N, C-alpha and C. Protein backbone atom coordinates (compact mmCIF):
# COMPACT_ATOMS: atom_id res chain seq x y z
N MET A 1 -14.27 -9.09 0.04
CA MET A 1 -14.34 -8.65 1.13
C MET A 1 -14.39 -10.06 1.89
N GLU A 2 -13.17 -10.00 2.95
CA GLU A 2 -13.35 -11.16 3.89
C GLU A 2 -14.56 -11.00 4.82
N GLU A 3 -14.91 -12.51 5.03
CA GLU A 3 -16.37 -12.34 5.90
C GLU A 3 -16.38 -11.80 7.32
N GLY A 4 -16.76 -10.72 7.69
CA GLY A 4 -16.79 -9.90 8.72
C GLY A 4 -15.77 -8.86 8.95
N ILE A 5 -15.22 -8.79 7.81
CA ILE A 5 -14.38 -7.49 7.81
C ILE A 5 -14.90 -6.40 7.09
N LYS A 6 -14.90 -5.26 7.78
CA LYS A 6 -15.60 -4.12 7.20
C LYS A 6 -14.57 -3.29 6.03
N ASP A 7 -15.26 -2.67 5.42
CA ASP A 7 -14.57 -1.92 4.33
C ASP A 7 -14.06 -0.50 5.05
N TYR A 8 -12.66 -0.45 5.65
CA TYR A 8 -12.27 0.72 5.93
C TYR A 8 -11.58 1.79 5.32
N PHE A 9 -12.07 1.53 4.00
CA PHE A 9 -11.54 2.75 2.92
C PHE A 9 -12.82 3.19 2.06
N PRO A 10 -13.98 3.58 2.46
CA PRO A 10 -15.04 3.84 1.81
C PRO A 10 -14.74 5.09 0.88
N GLU A 11 -13.78 6.16 1.16
CA GLU A 11 -13.58 7.09 0.31
C GLU A 11 -12.86 6.90 -0.78
N ARG A 12 -12.22 5.61 -0.75
CA ARG A 12 -11.48 5.31 -2.19
C ARG A 12 -10.32 6.00 -2.32
N PRO A 13 -9.37 5.90 -1.69
CA PRO A 13 -8.12 6.85 -1.75
C PRO A 13 -7.11 6.40 -2.76
N TRP A 14 -7.63 5.61 -3.74
CA TRP A 14 -6.66 4.89 -4.87
C TRP A 14 -6.35 5.95 -5.96
N ALA A 15 -6.63 6.95 -6.27
CA ALA A 15 -6.59 8.03 -7.51
C ALA A 15 -5.08 8.39 -7.51
N CYS A 16 -4.58 8.65 -8.71
CA CYS A 16 -3.51 8.90 -8.86
C CYS A 16 -3.54 10.49 -8.30
N ARG A 17 -2.34 10.67 -7.55
CA ARG A 17 -2.36 12.16 -6.85
C ARG A 17 -1.90 13.38 -8.00
N CYS A 18 -1.76 12.88 -9.20
CA CYS A 18 -1.52 14.18 -10.28
C CYS A 18 -2.92 14.65 -10.79
N GLY A 19 -4.10 14.01 -10.64
CA GLY A 19 -5.37 14.31 -11.07
C GLY A 19 -5.46 13.91 -12.66
N CYS A 20 -4.96 12.90 -12.89
CA CYS A 20 -5.14 12.12 -14.21
C CYS A 20 -6.29 11.47 -14.39
N GLY A 21 -6.61 10.86 -12.98
CA GLY A 21 -8.13 10.09 -13.02
C GLY A 21 -7.68 8.52 -12.89
N PHE A 22 -6.24 8.16 -13.19
CA PHE A 22 -5.86 6.49 -12.87
C PHE A 22 -6.44 5.96 -11.54
N ASP A 23 -7.45 5.18 -11.58
CA ASP A 23 -7.53 4.76 -10.15
C ASP A 23 -8.09 3.05 -10.47
N SER A 24 -7.55 2.85 -11.07
CA SER A 24 -8.10 1.11 -11.39
C SER A 24 -6.81 0.38 -10.53
N VAL A 25 -7.54 0.17 -9.16
CA VAL A 25 -6.82 -0.59 -8.14
C VAL A 25 -7.16 -2.01 -8.12
N SER A 26 -6.09 -2.74 -7.82
CA SER A 26 -6.24 -4.22 -7.76
C SER A 26 -7.29 -4.68 -6.60
N PRO A 27 -8.33 -5.32 -6.73
CA PRO A 27 -9.16 -5.74 -5.83
C PRO A 27 -8.52 -6.64 -4.77
N GLU A 28 -7.53 -7.47 -5.22
CA GLU A 28 -6.70 -8.24 -4.20
C GLU A 28 -5.93 -7.37 -3.34
N LEU A 29 -5.47 -6.13 -3.77
CA LEU A 29 -4.96 -5.33 -2.84
C LEU A 29 -5.76 -4.88 -2.01
N VAL A 30 -7.11 -4.43 -2.27
CA VAL A 30 -8.27 -3.80 -1.17
C VAL A 30 -8.61 -4.93 -0.23
N ARG A 31 -8.77 -6.04 -0.84
CA ARG A 31 -9.20 -7.09 0.03
C ARG A 31 -8.00 -7.28 1.17
N ARG A 32 -6.75 -7.38 0.81
CA ARG A 32 -5.89 -7.66 1.81
C ARG A 32 -5.37 -6.44 2.57
N LEU A 33 -5.52 -5.17 2.17
CA LEU A 33 -5.53 -4.04 3.20
C LEU A 33 -6.70 -3.73 3.95
N ASN A 34 -8.03 -4.25 3.58
CA ASN A 34 -9.07 -4.38 4.76
C ASN A 34 -8.85 -5.25 5.82
N LEU A 35 -8.08 -6.35 5.43
CA LEU A 35 -7.77 -7.39 6.56
C LEU A 35 -6.62 -7.07 7.27
N ALA A 36 -5.31 -6.29 6.62
CA ALA A 36 -4.40 -5.89 7.24
C ALA A 36 -4.92 -4.76 8.30
N ARG A 37 -5.83 -3.91 7.99
CA ARG A 37 -6.15 -2.56 8.63
C ARG A 37 -7.03 -3.23 10.11
N HIS A 38 -7.86 -4.33 9.89
CA HIS A 38 -8.67 -5.08 10.82
C HIS A 38 -7.33 -5.69 11.87
N LEU A 39 -6.53 -6.27 11.29
CA LEU A 39 -5.65 -6.94 12.22
C LEU A 39 -4.72 -5.86 13.08
N ALA A 40 -4.59 -4.73 12.13
CA ALA A 40 -3.45 -3.81 12.91
C ALA A 40 -4.17 -2.89 13.89
N GLY A 41 -5.61 -2.92 13.97
CA GLY A 41 -6.20 -2.04 14.96
C GLY A 41 -5.87 -0.25 14.87
N VAL A 42 -5.31 0.05 14.22
CA VAL A 42 -4.75 1.59 13.80
C VAL A 42 -5.26 1.92 12.58
N PRO A 43 -5.59 3.25 12.28
CA PRO A 43 -5.75 4.00 11.31
C PRO A 43 -4.78 3.73 9.98
N PHE A 44 -5.13 3.30 8.92
CA PHE A 44 -4.25 3.56 7.73
C PHE A 44 -4.48 4.86 6.91
N GLY A 45 -3.47 5.92 6.82
CA GLY A 45 -3.72 6.86 5.95
C GLY A 45 -2.91 6.59 4.87
N ILE A 46 -3.55 6.59 3.67
CA ILE A 46 -3.17 6.08 2.42
C ILE A 46 -2.68 7.29 1.67
N ARG A 47 -1.14 7.34 1.62
CA ARG A 47 -0.33 8.35 1.10
C ARG A 47 -0.28 8.33 -0.62
N SER A 48 -0.29 7.16 -1.22
CA SER A 48 -0.32 7.07 -2.33
C SER A 48 -0.86 5.67 -2.91
N ALA A 49 -1.52 5.38 -3.83
CA ALA A 49 -1.98 3.97 -4.51
C ALA A 49 -1.58 4.03 -6.09
N CYS A 50 -2.40 4.33 -6.92
CA CYS A 50 -2.18 4.03 -8.22
C CYS A 50 -1.41 5.55 -8.50
N ARG A 51 -0.47 5.04 -9.84
CA ARG A 51 0.13 6.17 -10.32
C ARG A 51 0.30 6.00 -11.79
N CYS A 52 0.29 7.07 -12.37
CA CYS A 52 0.26 7.24 -13.85
C CYS A 52 1.90 6.96 -13.97
N PRO A 53 2.23 6.82 -15.22
CA PRO A 53 3.68 6.67 -15.31
C PRO A 53 4.43 8.12 -15.26
N ARG A 54 3.97 9.31 -15.36
CA ARG A 54 4.46 10.44 -15.08
C ARG A 54 4.78 11.00 -13.61
N HIS A 55 3.49 10.40 -12.89
CA HIS A 55 3.41 10.99 -11.44
C HIS A 55 4.52 9.87 -10.81
N ASN A 56 4.45 8.47 -11.22
CA ASN A 56 5.50 7.82 -10.65
C ASN A 56 6.97 8.05 -10.57
N GLN A 57 7.14 8.53 -12.08
CA GLN A 57 8.87 9.18 -12.07
C GLN A 57 8.85 10.26 -11.35
N SER A 58 7.78 11.13 -11.18
CA SER A 58 8.11 12.49 -10.27
C SER A 58 8.18 12.08 -8.78
N GLU A 59 7.70 11.01 -8.41
CA GLU A 59 7.84 10.50 -7.01
C GLU A 59 9.15 9.81 -6.75
N GLY A 60 9.97 9.62 -7.93
CA GLY A 60 11.18 8.90 -7.80
C GLY A 60 10.82 7.08 -7.84
N GLY A 61 9.73 6.83 -8.43
CA GLY A 61 9.16 5.39 -8.42
C GLY A 61 10.05 4.66 -9.49
N LYS A 62 10.14 3.56 -9.42
CA LYS A 62 10.95 2.65 -10.27
C LYS A 62 9.90 2.15 -11.58
N ASP A 63 10.60 2.10 -12.83
CA ASP A 63 9.95 1.57 -13.97
C ASP A 63 8.89 0.57 -13.86
N GLN A 64 9.48 -0.34 -13.05
CA GLN A 64 8.49 -1.60 -12.69
C GLN A 64 7.48 -1.43 -11.61
N SER A 65 7.21 -0.34 -10.98
CA SER A 65 6.67 -0.24 -9.82
C SER A 65 5.32 -0.61 -9.83
N ALA A 66 4.87 -1.29 -8.97
CA ALA A 66 3.42 -1.86 -8.60
C ALA A 66 2.39 -0.93 -8.71
N HIS A 67 2.92 0.40 -8.41
CA HIS A 67 2.03 1.42 -8.34
C HIS A 67 1.47 1.80 -9.45
N LEU A 68 1.96 1.47 -10.83
CA LEU A 68 1.66 1.42 -12.03
C LEU A 68 0.54 1.07 -12.67
N THR A 69 0.40 -0.43 -11.98
CA THR A 69 -0.64 -1.51 -12.36
C THR A 69 -1.86 -1.54 -11.00
N GLY A 70 -1.68 -0.46 -10.13
CA GLY A 70 -2.70 -0.49 -9.38
C GLY A 70 -2.54 -1.46 -8.21
N GLU A 71 -1.56 -2.07 -8.06
CA GLU A 71 -1.27 -3.27 -7.03
C GLU A 71 -0.26 -2.71 -5.94
N ALA A 72 -0.36 -1.31 -5.76
CA ALA A 72 0.59 -1.25 -4.29
C ALA A 72 -0.10 0.19 -3.65
N VAL A 73 0.41 0.40 -2.47
CA VAL A 73 0.02 1.40 -1.84
C VAL A 73 1.12 1.77 -0.73
N ASP A 74 0.98 3.10 -0.41
CA ASP A 74 1.91 3.47 0.52
C ASP A 74 0.84 4.39 1.81
N ILE A 75 1.52 3.60 3.03
CA ILE A 75 0.75 3.93 3.92
C ILE A 75 1.34 4.72 5.13
N SER A 76 0.83 5.81 5.17
CA SER A 76 1.54 6.64 6.67
C SER A 76 1.92 5.88 7.53
N ALA A 77 3.15 6.25 8.40
CA ALA A 77 3.52 5.63 9.53
C ALA A 77 4.22 6.79 10.32
N GLY A 78 3.59 7.44 11.37
CA GLY A 78 4.14 8.69 11.93
C GLY A 78 5.25 8.48 12.91
N ASN A 79 4.70 7.20 13.57
CA ASN A 79 5.80 6.90 14.74
C ASN A 79 6.00 5.42 14.90
N SER A 80 7.21 5.09 15.55
CA SER A 80 7.46 3.66 15.67
C SER A 80 6.33 2.81 16.28
N ALA A 81 5.21 3.04 17.09
CA ALA A 81 4.27 2.12 17.43
C ALA A 81 3.45 1.96 16.39
N GLN A 82 3.00 2.73 15.62
CA GLN A 82 1.82 2.93 14.34
C GLN A 82 2.74 2.14 13.25
N ARG A 83 4.00 2.48 13.10
CA ARG A 83 4.81 1.35 12.13
C ARG A 83 4.45 -0.04 12.56
N TYR A 84 4.69 -0.28 13.74
CA TYR A 84 4.73 -1.62 14.27
C TYR A 84 3.23 -2.28 14.08
N TYR A 85 2.20 -1.63 14.55
CA TYR A 85 1.23 -2.36 14.32
C TYR A 85 0.77 -2.37 12.88
N ILE A 86 1.18 -1.28 11.93
CA ILE A 86 0.70 -1.23 10.69
C ILE A 86 1.50 -2.74 10.08
N LEU A 87 2.77 -2.93 10.22
CA LEU A 87 3.81 -3.73 9.61
C LEU A 87 3.03 -5.21 10.11
N ALA A 88 2.54 -5.53 11.59
CA ALA A 88 2.06 -6.58 11.97
C ALA A 88 0.87 -6.96 11.38
N GLY A 89 -0.26 -5.94 11.03
CA GLY A 89 -1.04 -6.16 10.22
C GLY A 89 -0.90 -6.62 8.64
N LEU A 90 0.07 -6.06 8.02
CA LEU A 90 0.38 -6.39 6.77
C LEU A 90 0.80 -7.79 6.44
N MET A 91 1.90 -8.23 7.68
CA MET A 91 2.06 -9.71 7.62
C MET A 91 1.22 -10.29 7.94
N GLY A 92 0.29 -10.11 8.89
CA GLY A 92 -1.00 -11.04 9.22
C GLY A 92 -1.73 -11.27 7.93
N ALA A 93 -1.92 -10.18 7.17
CA ALA A 93 -2.80 -10.41 5.83
C ALA A 93 -1.92 -10.89 4.62
N ARG A 94 -0.79 -11.45 4.97
CA ARG A 94 -0.05 -12.01 3.79
C ARG A 94 0.33 -11.34 2.90
N PHE A 95 0.88 -9.96 3.02
CA PHE A 95 1.61 -9.18 2.25
C PHE A 95 2.99 -9.97 1.98
N ARG A 96 3.52 -9.97 0.63
CA ARG A 96 4.83 -10.65 0.82
C ARG A 96 5.97 -9.71 0.05
N ARG A 97 5.39 -8.36 -0.23
CA ARG A 97 6.28 -7.45 -0.62
C ARG A 97 6.04 -6.26 0.38
N ILE A 98 7.04 -5.71 0.97
CA ILE A 98 7.01 -4.80 2.02
C ILE A 98 8.02 -3.75 1.96
N GLY A 99 8.01 -2.38 1.68
CA GLY A 99 9.03 -1.52 1.87
C GLY A 99 8.85 -0.62 3.18
N LEU A 100 9.79 -0.51 3.94
CA LEU A 100 9.60 0.58 4.98
C LEU A 100 10.79 1.61 4.75
N GLY A 101 9.73 3.04 4.88
CA GLY A 101 10.30 4.24 4.82
C GLY A 101 10.39 5.05 6.28
N ALA A 102 11.04 6.22 6.14
CA ALA A 102 11.12 6.87 7.63
C ALA A 102 9.52 7.09 8.13
N ASN A 103 8.78 7.65 7.17
CA ASN A 103 7.46 7.83 7.68
C ASN A 103 6.05 7.14 7.03
N PHE A 104 6.55 5.91 5.96
CA PHE A 104 5.56 5.56 5.36
C PHE A 104 5.92 4.25 5.41
N ILE A 105 4.95 2.89 4.94
CA ILE A 105 5.37 1.53 4.48
C ILE A 105 4.57 1.59 3.44
N HIS A 106 5.52 0.75 2.52
CA HIS A 106 4.84 0.41 1.10
C HIS A 106 4.14 -0.91 1.17
N ALA A 107 3.18 -1.61 0.61
CA ALA A 107 2.91 -2.95 0.60
C ALA A 107 2.27 -3.20 -0.78
N ASP A 108 2.61 -4.22 -1.44
CA ASP A 108 2.02 -4.35 -2.79
C ASP A 108 1.63 -5.89 -2.96
N VAL A 109 0.87 -6.18 -3.89
CA VAL A 109 0.34 -7.69 -4.46
C VAL A 109 0.92 -7.91 -5.77
N ALA A 110 2.27 -7.53 -6.03
CA ALA A 110 2.43 -7.66 -7.47
C ALA A 110 3.21 -9.14 -7.69
N VAL A 111 2.58 -10.05 -8.10
CA VAL A 111 2.97 -11.40 -8.18
C VAL A 111 4.18 -11.50 -9.01
N HIS A 112 4.16 -10.59 -10.05
CA HIS A 112 5.35 -10.40 -11.10
C HIS A 112 6.93 -10.03 -10.66
N LEU A 113 6.92 -9.50 -9.63
CA LEU A 113 7.88 -9.06 -8.72
C LEU A 113 8.33 -9.99 -7.73
N PRO A 114 9.75 -9.83 -7.01
CA PRO A 114 10.10 -10.87 -6.33
C PRO A 114 9.34 -10.70 -5.11
N GLN A 115 9.14 -12.21 -4.47
CA GLN A 115 8.23 -12.25 -3.41
C GLN A 115 9.04 -12.53 -1.89
N ASP A 116 8.18 -12.18 -0.84
CA ASP A 116 9.28 -12.60 0.26
C ASP A 116 9.94 -11.63 0.69
N VAL A 117 9.85 -10.40 0.51
CA VAL A 117 10.74 -9.37 0.45
C VAL A 117 10.68 -8.17 1.14
N VAL A 118 11.44 -7.65 2.13
CA VAL A 118 11.08 -6.25 2.80
C VAL A 118 12.29 -5.63 2.49
N TRP A 119 12.17 -4.44 2.12
CA TRP A 119 13.20 -3.45 2.13
C TRP A 119 13.28 -2.16 2.73
N THR A 120 14.22 -1.24 2.51
CA THR A 120 14.34 -0.03 3.25
C THR A 120 14.22 1.02 2.07
N TYR A 121 13.97 2.24 2.57
CA TYR A 121 13.98 3.34 1.57
C TYR A 121 15.21 4.23 2.22
N LYS A 122 15.86 4.86 1.67
CA LYS A 122 17.11 5.69 1.76
C LYS A 122 16.11 7.22 2.30
N SER A 123 16.76 7.76 3.47
CA SER A 123 15.98 9.05 3.53
C SER A 123 16.11 10.12 2.62
């Protein structure tokens, strides 16, 4: 944890949503998320983090998804102002892989995937 940055995720919302129990999240992801949340100044609603292969497939995730390794998170973004602050926080925390959806933002720390990229999802 960064000095002076609190733990904004004490409820540990990392587990795969299918109920399989997979919740092995990357400590680097959590460290950067806490910093990003601090910088953003707005709540981060975690929609998805760890995913088992079956759940990832049901969500339309890619075979190389960082969710499969506990290195990714999807954050709810309900409006354009919230999206702006979340994005600013993620960039300030030096996330180098960001995906923009209509109502969420994906961020990951997977170094085995292309870096310094921002992509969009089709609705």
